[in-house]
Amino acid sequence: MASVRASFTAAAMAAGLLASSCGGGSSPVATPTPAVLPGTPTAGGEGASANTCPIGKGDPAAECGKASPQLTAAVEAAIDKLVQERPELFNKNEESGANTGQYRVLARDEYIDGVIANLRAAGLCSERTVDRERVLVKSSNALSEEWDVLLASGFIRRGSYSYKQTCEPSVFPVAPEDLTAYVRTAFFSFECDAGIVPPLPPEGKLRLGCDGFVTATPKQRSGVDVPSWIHGTEIQWEQRDGQDVVRVEPDPRFGNDFNKILRPTGRVGGFVLCATVLGKTGCLNGQTIP
């Protein structure tokens, strides 16, 4: 009769780690989530891979913080021009504050992309932030500014309230390989025979009688994930050690090659599984245990 297996997700492991840390003074360790690759955004205002800036490339290690914004007038002019030329994007009968010109936006992506297009038409470099939520703009490589031109309530955001930060030197545009600082390769969940309790994913251990689910995640210097539409779908896997300890198999649940299943062969020992994305390699140095 087939054995009954229990699935242990990263969320459950993280919860268990949090509970166990209450009396011991240790902090919970975040576990990775499996890579699910959505489609590339089709709207304009490209992100870190934009090639529309004749001024030059940015520096992903730029220092960012609050300063005195220099491009307020340019951002306001780009918004005003869009309101005038694309009235269908706004409901001018609704304002966030009387006589503020902060009209309700009816098409979020078209609005943000329209502001970017107007900034570019004015001779500036502009694109979306990596998360595609805000606007980056610069007039030289000495610095760039970040602007949040849309309120969460769906209205235009204007003036000093829309300024977020300044980066010196300019933080954009950045090629995908430069934005990717490292690759984290780690367990995110396990599936075990009945009665077997797996280790916590961050420990890098795989108990005999369990299958381990591994994901590779490209990361920025800040530790934030590089969006899949930037890093793409290309990845190379290499099992550098422990071929007699674990077998590496595709994980059919996610439809991409960023996730693998590790199945123990029954031997106790170490293994090394590495993933390379955009020239950056990250390895899981793991061990099977009884």
Protein backbone atom coordinates (compact mmCIF):
# COMPACT_ATOMS: atom_id res chain seq x y z
CA MET A 1 0.00 0.00 0.00
CA ALA A 2 1.35 3.46 -0.87
CA SER A 3 2.67 5.44 2.08
CA VAL A 4 0.77 8.48 3.29
CA ARG A 5 2.77 11.69 2.98
CA ALA A 6 2.31 14.98 4.79
CA SER A 7 3.16 18.29 3.18
CA PHE A 8 4.95 20.98 5.19
CA THR A 9 4.94 24.40 3.55
CA ALA A 10 7.33 27.26 4.21
CA ALA A 11 4.55 29.18 5.91
CA ALA A 12 3.93 26.36 8.36
CA MET A 13 7.64 26.04 9.06
CA ALA A 14 7.95 29.77 9.64
CA ALA A 15 5.03 29.64 12.06
CA GLY A 16 6.65 26.79 13.92
CA LEU A 17 9.93 28.67 14.11
CA LEU A 18 8.18 31.76 15.43
CA ALA A 19 6.45 29.74 18.14
CA SER A 20 9.68 28.05 19.18
CA SER A 21 11.48 31.38 19.42
CA CYS A 22 9.16 32.87 22.06
CA GLY A 23 11.05 31.43 25.00
CA GLY A 24 14.54 31.25 23.58
CA GLY A 25 15.21 34.80 22.47
CA SER A 26 16.05 33.83 18.88
CA SER A 27 14.48 35.58 15.90
CA PRO A 28 12.45 33.77 13.25
CA VAL A 29 14.24 33.19 9.96
CA ALA A 30 12.35 33.99 6.77
CA THR A 31 11.86 31.09 4.39
CA PRO A 32 11.76 31.55 0.62
CA THR A 33 8.64 31.17 -1.44
CA PRO A 34 8.55 29.18 -4.67
CA ALA A 35 9.21 31.08 -7.87
CA VAL A 36 6.06 31.67 -9.89
CA LEU A 37 6.87 33.58 -13.06
CA PRO A 38 4.09 35.88 -14.31
CA GLY A 39 4.03 37.27 -17.80
CA THR A 40 6.09 40.30 -18.74
CA PRO A 41 4.12 43.53 -18.19
CA THR A 42 2.84 44.83 -21.49
CA ALA A 43 2.28 48.43 -20.38
CA GLY A 44 4.85 51.08 -21.25
CA GLY A 45 7.17 52.82 -18.81
CA GLU A 46 9.64 49.96 -18.74
CA GLY A 47 11.50 49.18 -15.55
CA ALA A 48 15.13 48.36 -14.89
CA SER A 49 15.74 47.09 -18.40
CA ALA A 50 14.66 50.30 -20.13
CA ASN A 51 17.00 51.48 -22.90
CA THR A 52 15.44 54.89 -23.46
CA CYS A 53 17.90 57.08 -21.51
CA PRO A 54 20.60 58.81 -23.60
CA ILE A 55 22.09 60.33 -20.43
CA GLY A 56 23.57 57.00 -19.38
CA LYS A 57 23.23 54.09 -16.99
CA GLY A 58 22.46 54.24 -13.29
CA ASP A 59 24.18 52.69 -10.29
CA PRO A 60 22.21 50.04 -8.33
CA ALA A 61 24.42 50.79 -5.30
CA ALA A 62 23.48 54.50 -5.24
CA GLU A 63 22.73 56.07 -1.86
CA CYS A 64 19.09 57.17 -1.53
CA GLY A 65 17.29 59.40 0.94
CA LYS A 66 15.26 62.57 1.40
CA ALA A 67 16.69 65.79 -0.06
CA SER A 68 15.44 68.96 -1.74
CA PRO A 69 13.80 67.84 -4.98
CA GLN A 70 15.04 69.56 -8.12
CA LEU A 71 12.51 68.30 -10.65
CA THR A 72 9.21 69.26 -9.05
CA ALA A 73 8.29 71.67 -11.85
CA ALA A 74 9.05 69.06 -14.50
CA VAL A 75 6.89 66.41 -12.82
CA GLU A 76 4.00 68.88 -12.35
CA ALA A 77 4.26 69.96 -15.98
CA ALA A 78 4.15 66.33 -17.14
CA ILE A 79 0.98 65.74 -15.13
CA ASP A 80 -0.65 68.97 -16.35
CA LYS A 81 0.15 68.10 -19.97
CA LEU A 82 -1.40 64.67 -19.56
CA VAL A 83 -4.58 66.07 -18.00
CA GLN A 84 -4.90 68.48 -20.92
CA GLU A 85 -4.12 66.04 -23.72
CA ARG A 86 -5.66 62.82 -22.33
CA PRO A 87 -8.85 63.93 -20.52
CA GLU A 88 -10.35 60.44 -20.92
CA LEU A 89 -7.90 59.18 -18.27
CA PHE A 90 -9.51 61.33 -15.55
CA ASN A 91 -12.82 62.17 -13.88
CA LYS A 92 -12.46 65.92 -13.45
CA ASN A 93 -15.68 66.05 -11.45
CA GLU A 94 -13.89 64.30 -8.58
CA GLU A 95 -10.91 65.84 -6.80
CA SER A 96 -8.93 64.89 -3.73
CA GLY A 97 -9.34 68.34 -2.26
CA ALA A 98 -11.22 71.22 -3.88
CA ASN A 99 -9.32 73.12 -6.58
CA THR A 100 -6.18 71.01 -6.19
CA GLY A 101 -6.14 69.52 -9.68
CA GLN A 102 -5.81 66.09 -8.08
CA TYR A 103 -8.43 64.41 -10.23
CA ARG A 104 -9.59 60.83 -10.02
CA VAL A 105 -7.51 58.60 -12.30
CA LEU A 106 -9.56 56.17 -14.39
CA ALA A 107 -6.69 54.17 -15.92
CA ARG A 108 -3.77 53.69 -13.55
CA ASP A 109 -1.16 52.23 -15.92
CA GLU A 110 -1.96 54.59 -18.75
CA TYR A 111 -1.69 57.53 -16.34
CA ILE A 112 1.73 56.53 -14.94
CA ASP A 113 3.06 55.70 -18.39
CA GLY A 114 1.69 58.99 -19.73
CA VAL A 115 3.55 60.98 -17.07
CA ILE A 116 6.75 59.09 -17.96
CA ALA A 117 6.22 59.72 -21.68
CA ASN A 118 5.79 63.46 -21.07
CA LEU A 119 8.93 63.61 -18.93
CA ARG A 120 10.87 61.89 -21.72
CA ALA A 121 9.39 64.27 -24.30
CA ALA A 122 10.72 67.13 -22.16
CA GLY A 123 14.25 65.77 -22.55
CA LEU A 124 14.50 63.96 -19.22
CA CYS A 125 15.11 60.29 -18.53
CA SER A 126 12.23 58.54 -16.83
CA GLU A 127 10.93 55.05 -16.14
CA ARG A 128 8.97 53.13 -13.53
CA THR A 129 10.49 51.86 -10.33
CA VAL A 130 11.27 48.14 -10.24
CA ASP A 131 7.95 47.42 -8.51
CA ARG A 132 6.22 49.50 -11.22
CA GLU A 133 4.41 51.62 -8.63
CA ARG A 134 6.27 54.96 -8.89
CA VAL A 135 8.16 57.19 -11.32
CA LEU A 136 11.93 57.68 -11.59
CA VAL A 137 13.26 60.79 -13.31
CA LYS A 138 16.64 62.45 -13.87
CA SER A 139 18.24 65.26 -15.84
CA SER A 140 21.83 64.06 -15.31
CA ASN A 141 23.70 61.08 -13.91
CA ALA A 142 24.57 63.02 -10.76
CA LEU A 143 21.23 62.14 -9.18
CA SER A 144 17.76 60.76 -9.81
CA GLU A 145 14.48 61.37 -8.04
CA GLU A 146 11.58 59.06 -7.20
CA TRP A 147 8.01 60.33 -7.35
CA ASP A 148 4.72 58.72 -6.28
CA VAL A 149 2.21 60.47 -8.52
CA LEU A 150 -0.87 58.41 -7.62
CA LEU A 151 -2.69 58.28 -4.29
CA ALA A 152 -3.81 54.88 -2.98
CA SER A 153 -7.36 56.22 -3.20
CA GLY A 154 -6.98 56.58 -6.98
CA PHE A 155 -6.42 60.33 -7.31
CA ILE A 156 -3.48 62.29 -8.74
CA ARG A 157 -0.84 63.04 -6.12
CA ARG A 158 0.90 66.38 -6.59
CA GLY A 159 3.61 68.66 -5.23
CA SER A 160 5.97 67.90 -2.36
CA TYR A 161 3.70 65.11 -1.15
CA SER A 162 4.51 63.09 -4.26
CA TYR A 163 8.30 63.35 -3.84
CA LYS A 164 9.77 60.22 -2.23
CA GLN A 165 13.57 60.31 -2.35
CA THR A 166 16.75 61.30 -4.18
CA CYS A 167 19.50 58.85 -5.17
CA GLU A 168 23.11 59.93 -5.74
CA PRO A 169 24.35 59.09 -8.28
CA SER A 170 21.41 58.19 -10.46
CA VAL A 171 19.91 54.79 -9.63
CA PHE A 172 18.54 54.07 -13.12
CA PRO A 173 18.46 52.66 -15.75
CA VAL A 174 20.13 49.41 -14.67
CA ALA A 175 20.64 46.28 -16.76
CA PRO A 176 19.05 43.11 -15.33
CA GLU A 177 22.45 41.52 -14.70
CA ASP A 178 23.58 44.60 -12.73
CA LEU A 179 20.37 44.74 -10.70
CA THR A 180 20.78 41.07 -9.72
CA ALA A 181 23.25 40.97 -6.83
CA TYR A 182 22.99 37.30 -5.88
CA VAL A 183 20.80 34.21 -6.11
CA ARG A 184 19.32 32.57 -3.02
CA THR A 185 18.88 28.82 -3.43
CA ALA A 186 17.01 27.19 -0.55
CA PHE A 187 14.31 24.79 0.60
CA PHE A 188 10.82 26.24 0.90
CA SER A 189 8.80 23.13 1.87
CA PHE A 190 8.86 19.36 2.39
CA GLU A 191 6.60 16.38 1.83
CA CYS A 192 7.22 13.50 4.25
CA ASP A 193 6.03 10.00 5.02
CA ALA A 194 3.50 9.81 7.83
CA GLY A 195 5.04 10.33 11.26
CA ILE A 196 8.20 12.05 10.00
CA VAL A 197 8.72 15.67 11.06
CA PRO A 198 11.00 17.58 8.67
CA PRO A 199 13.64 20.13 9.68
CA LEU A 200 13.01 23.84 9.21
CA PRO A 201 13.74 24.94 5.62
CA PRO A 202 16.50 27.45 6.53
CA GLU A 203 18.56 24.66 8.09
CA GLY A 204 19.33 23.19 4.67
CA LYS A 205 18.72 19.65 5.91
CA LEU A 206 16.60 16.94 4.29
CA ARG A 207 15.35 14.07 6.42
CA LEU A 208 15.24 10.60 4.90
CA GLY A 209 11.64 9.78 4.11
CA CYS A 210 10.96 13.33 2.90
CA ASP A 211 11.05 15.08 -0.45
CA GLY A 212 12.49 18.61 -0.35
CA PHE A 213 11.24 21.43 -2.55
CA VAL A 214 13.89 23.97 -3.58
CA THR A 215 13.58 27.36 -5.25
CA ALA A 216 16.14 29.79 -6.69
CA THR A 217 15.43 33.50 -6.18
CA PRO A 218 17.43 36.32 -7.81
CA LYS A 219 17.92 39.13 -5.27
CA GLN A 220 18.81 42.81 -5.32
CA ARG A 221 21.51 44.19 -3.00
CA SER A 222 18.76 45.18 -0.56
CA GLY A 223 17.57 41.58 -0.34
CA VAL A 224 14.39 42.37 -2.27
CA ASP A 225 13.46 39.91 -5.02
CA VAL A 226 14.30 40.85 -8.59
CA PRO A 227 10.94 40.71 -10.41
CA SER A 228 10.67 37.81 -12.81
CA TRP A 229 9.82 40.10 -15.74
CA ILE A 230 13.30 41.59 -15.26
CA HIS A 231 15.42 38.48 -14.64
CA GLY A 232 13.60 36.38 -17.24
CA THR A 233 13.14 32.62 -17.46
CA GLU A 234 16.70 31.46 -18.08
CA ILE A 235 18.36 29.50 -15.26
CA GLN A 236 21.10 26.87 -15.09
CA TRP A 237 21.15 24.20 -12.38
CA GLU A 238 24.20 22.15 -11.38
CA GLN A 239 24.47 19.43 -8.76
CA ARG A 240 28.08 19.80 -7.70
CA ASP A 241 28.17 17.13 -5.03
CA GLY A 242 26.08 14.41 -3.45
CA GLN A 243 24.78 12.66 -6.54
CA ASP A 244 24.66 9.48 -4.46
CA VAL A 245 22.76 11.28 -1.68
CA VAL A 246 19.90 13.06 -3.48
CA ARG A 247 18.28 13.04 -6.90
CA VAL A 248 17.31 16.38 -8.46
CA GLU A 249 14.03 16.33 -10.38
CA PRO A 250 11.77 18.96 -12.00
CA ASP A 251 8.89 20.35 -9.96
CA PRO A 252 5.86 20.19 -12.28
CA ARG A 253 3.64 22.33 -10.05
CA PHE A 254 4.96 25.71 -11.15
CA GLY A 255 5.60 25.37 -14.88
CA ASN A 256 9.10 26.88 -14.75
CA ASP A 257 12.64 25.71 -14.07
CA PHE A 258 13.22 27.87 -10.98
CA ASN A 259 11.90 25.11 -8.69
CA LYS A 260 13.28 21.62 -8.12
CA ILE A 261 12.45 18.54 -6.04
CA LEU A 262 15.20 16.79 -4.07
CA ARG A 263 14.57 13.11 -3.34
CA PRO A 264 16.93 11.27 -0.93
CA THR A 265 18.46 8.02 -2.15
CA GLY A 266 18.55 6.62 1.39
CA ARG A 267 22.16 7.64 2.15
CA VAL A 268 23.13 10.14 4.85
CA GLY A 269 25.59 12.75 3.59
CA GLY A 270 26.12 16.17 2.09
CA PHE A 271 25.08 17.60 -1.25
CA VAL A 272 25.52 20.85 -3.15
CA LEU A 273 22.92 22.19 -5.59
CA CYS A 274 23.64 25.48 -7.40
CA ALA A 275 21.54 27.77 -9.58
CA THR A 276 22.87 30.47 -11.92
CA VAL A 277 20.79 33.40 -13.16
CA LEU A 278 22.25 36.31 -15.17
CA GLY A 279 25.77 35.26 -14.26
CA LYS A 280 25.12 35.11 -10.50
CA THR A 281 25.30 31.72 -8.75
CA GLY A 282 23.77 30.67 -5.45
CA CYS A 283 24.17 27.22 -3.87
CA LEU A 284 22.28 25.12 -1.35
CA ASN A 285 24.90 23.33 0.75
CA GLY A 286 22.64 20.72 2.25
CA GLN A 287 22.73 17.42 4.13
CA THR A 288 20.46 14.45 4.45
CA ILE A 289 19.76 13.26 8.00
CA PRO A 290 18.09 10.17 9.50
